[in-house]
Amino acid sequence: MTGYYEPVYAGSLTQTNTANQAVYGPPRDMITVALDSVYPELKGKRLRGKVLGNKLVPFPDRAEIVKNGVNAPVLAWLNDPMDVQFLQIQGSGRVQLSNGEQLRLGYADQNGRPYKPVGRWLVEQGLLPASEVSMQTIRAWAKANPKRVDELLNSNPSYVFFRTLPASNEGPIGSLGVPLTAAYSIAIDPNTVPLGSMVFIATTRPDNAGGIHRLVAAQDTGGAIRGSVRADFFWGTGDAAGELAGEMKQSGSLWLLWPKGQALPK
């Protein structure tokens, strides 16, 4: 059981000396190919690429996008490349503007490259022990090693593109197209737990403040959420939720509730 949340990061609608890290909308030249239209055994698999000459080539990875830019609208500018990375990992967030307003951003698309956790790179490089990897320790390492931040971030070739959402106090929009509810929504692997299912979970809080035993709704998905007994617990919006989400790596149990008499999901 891991956790996620809706971050709130300081930023701007225009590029400034401090807000100079772009948050992109979907690229205008990115093409998505549903592979099961040609190979039925690849149901649900998609290839994202761009046309180069007369060939369809894979869409650029994170390193190339940051270095050369991308043919896409810039929705906002953030102050820190780590903010952009964690915004992409969480899949949604808010940008706090200087006029007091907030810009809501939601997941729109992804460059088609595999997601590789930056924490794993730190472990593989011998820079952090696996037991200590969290959002907080990754940020601390980046702050202490600013010259290696691009090396860290480029270890994850995945890149997420966003869309703007209407102003609202509701939670971010999950994969079902409805707002998530703090502490009662989870992200799951839809290959094993159908979206929209009710699930009972039993796990512990990362702050050692007791257990979590409750019925939740499977309303979201995520690139790192794979497996049958696997869930990402949505903690809510803001820094307090982020502290809990960033530390959560708990063991737990999961029960799928299913209507009596209905065929079980495959």
Foldseek 3Di string as FASTA:
>chain_A
DFAAEAEEAAWFQDDDPQFHAFAWADFPFKDKDQCCVPVVVSHPDIAIFGDDPNDTDQHFFPLCCVVPNGRTDGRITGRDVLVQVSCVQRQWYWYQYPVRDIWTKGFDDKRRAAFDDLLVVCCVVVNDPPVPAFSVVVVVVCVVPVVCVSVSVRVTRMHTHIDTDDDDPFAYQAPQRDGADAQAEKEADCVAAPAQWKKWKWKCFLVRPGIRTDIHGHHHHGSPHDDNFGIYHYHYYYDVSRVRNRRDDIDIGMDTDDDPPDDDDD
